[in-house]
Every structure is written in C-alpha cells, then in structure tokens.
Amino acid sequence: MDTVQFIQTTPQQLADLITDGVKIQLQELKKNLDSQNANDDLLTREEACKFLSINSSTLWAWSNKCKVKTYGIGNRRYYKRSELLECLKPVKK
C-alpha cells in the first residue's frame, strides 16, 4: 500500500486542496452532462451537412442506405446530433 505524507500542510490547507479537487471534478461532470444533452439536438439537413462537412447529396445517399437515421415531419427531415456522432467509425490504417 502506498503512503502519502503531508509535511508542512495544515488541516485547513488540506481541506482547501480537497475542496478544490472536488470542485474541478464536479465542473468536468457538469460539462460532460451538458455536452451529452446538447448531442440530442435535432439538426436540419443543412445543419447536418455543415456539422459533418459533407454535401447534401452525400447525406441523402447515406439516409437511403440507412447509414444515418432520419426523422421527418411532412417533407422536412431532421437528424439527431448524437446519432450522427454514433455513425462515425474510426478509420483503420
């Protein structure tokens, strides 16, 4: 078992260090939760193309091949940001 020695550290300084560490962890957790919630946004065709840096014909082809999931109301089509990210696959070299 590893041991940690606090030399010349007062109990108040130790408490402050722990508090700062917990604050940082909570901020990172909040940022992660916020980014996950932002990923559920619905994007229009134009927004999805801009997000993926592709042409609208490519998005249309991917939709027809069921590579990306499409949601629609009438003739409007929408894409979930989180599902677009899930469709991305790592490239093997």
Protein backbone atom coordinates (compact mmCIF):
# COMPACT_ATOMS: atom_id res chain seq x y z
CA MET A 1 0.00 0.00 0.00
CA ASP A 2 1.31 3.45 -0.90
CA THR A 3 1.61 6.04 1.81
CA VAL A 4 1.24 9.78 1.49
CA GLN A 5 2.84 12.18 3.92
CA PHE A 6 1.73 15.75 4.28
CA ILE A 7 4.66 17.73 5.54
CA GLN A 8 4.10 21.36 6.49
CA THR A 9 0.44 21.17 5.45
CA THR A 10 -2.15 22.42 7.88
CA PRO A 11 -5.54 20.73 8.18
CA GLN A 12 -7.13 23.85 6.61
CA GLN A 13 -4.76 23.70 3.61
CA LEU A 14 -5.56 20.01 3.17
CA ALA A 15 -9.29 20.73 3.32
CA ASP A 16 -8.86 23.51 0.72
CA LEU A 17 -6.95 21.16 -1.59
CA ILE A 18 -9.66 18.52 -1.32
CA THR A 19 -12.39 21.12 -1.88
CA ASP A 20 -10.63 22.43 -4.99
CA GLY A 21 -10.23 18.90 -6.35
CA VAL A 22 -13.90 18.12 -5.81
CA LYS A 23 -14.93 21.41 -7.48
CA ILE A 24 -12.85 20.58 -10.56
CA GLN A 25 -14.36 17.10 -10.78
CA LEU A 26 -17.90 18.47 -10.45
CA GLN A 27 -17.25 21.07 -13.17
CA GLU A 28 -15.97 18.35 -15.53
CA LEU A 29 -19.02 16.19 -14.77
CA LYS A 30 -21.34 19.11 -15.46
CA LYS A 31 -19.56 19.85 -18.74
CA ASN A 32 -19.91 16.20 -19.80
CA LEU A 33 -23.60 16.13 -18.93
CA ASP A 34 -24.20 19.40 -20.77
CA SER A 35 -22.44 18.09 -23.88
CA GLN A 36 -24.49 14.88 -23.78
CA ASN A 37 -27.71 16.89 -23.57
CA ALA A 38 -26.55 19.10 -26.44
CA ASN A 39 -25.96 15.98 -28.54
CA ASP A 40 -29.71 15.24 -28.58
CA ASP A 41 -30.40 18.38 -30.61
CA LEU A 42 -32.30 17.93 -33.87
CA LEU A 43 -30.48 19.23 -36.92
CA THR A 44 -31.96 20.20 -40.27
CA ARG A 45 -30.48 18.83 -43.49
CA GLU A 46 -28.37 21.93 -43.91
CA GLU A 47 -27.16 21.87 -40.31
CA ALA A 48 -26.33 18.15 -40.54
CA CYS A 49 -24.34 18.73 -43.75
CA LYS A 50 -22.46 21.58 -42.16
CA PHE A 51 -21.87 19.56 -38.97
CA LEU A 52 -20.41 16.63 -40.95
CA SER A 53 -18.76 18.83 -43.61
CA ILE A 54 -20.46 16.93 -46.42
CA ASN A 55 -22.60 17.71 -49.44
CA SER A 56 -26.39 17.34 -49.27
CA SER A 57 -26.25 14.60 -51.91
CA THR A 58 -23.95 12.59 -49.62
CA LEU A 59 -26.37 12.99 -46.72
CA TRP A 60 -29.23 11.91 -48.99
CA ALA A 61 -27.28 8.81 -50.09
CA TRP A 62 -26.38 7.91 -46.51
CA SER A 63 -30.02 8.30 -45.48
CA ASN A 64 -31.18 5.99 -48.30
CA LYS A 65 -28.55 3.40 -47.35
CA CYS A 66 -29.69 3.66 -43.70
CA LYS A 67 -26.23 4.78 -42.61
CA VAL A 68 -27.82 7.69 -40.76
CA LYS A 69 -31.21 7.70 -39.10
CA THR A 70 -33.65 10.30 -40.38
CA TYR A 71 -36.67 11.79 -38.63
CA GLY A 72 -39.33 13.66 -40.51
CA ILE A 73 -42.45 15.74 -40.32
CA GLY A 74 -44.12 16.17 -43.69
CA ASN A 75 -41.36 16.80 -46.21
CA ARG A 76 -38.93 18.09 -43.58
CA ARG A 77 -36.08 15.86 -42.43
CA TYR A 78 -34.17 16.04 -39.16
CA TYR A 79 -31.14 14.28 -37.76
CA LYS A 80 -30.10 13.81 -34.13
CA ARG A 81 -26.63 15.14 -33.44
CA SER A 82 -25.89 12.22 -31.08
CA GLU A 83 -26.85 9.66 -33.74
CA LEU A 84 -24.68 11.38 -36.34
CA LEU A 85 -21.75 11.09 -33.94
CA GLU A 86 -22.54 7.41 -33.35
CA CYS A 87 -22.42 6.75 -37.11
CA LEU A 88 -18.81 7.89 -37.27
CA LYS A 89 -16.39 4.99 -37.17
CA PRO A 90 -12.63 5.01 -36.55
CA VAL A 91 -10.57 4.57 -39.70
CA LYS A 92 -8.14 1.66 -39.63
CA LYS A 93 -4.73 2.26 -41.13
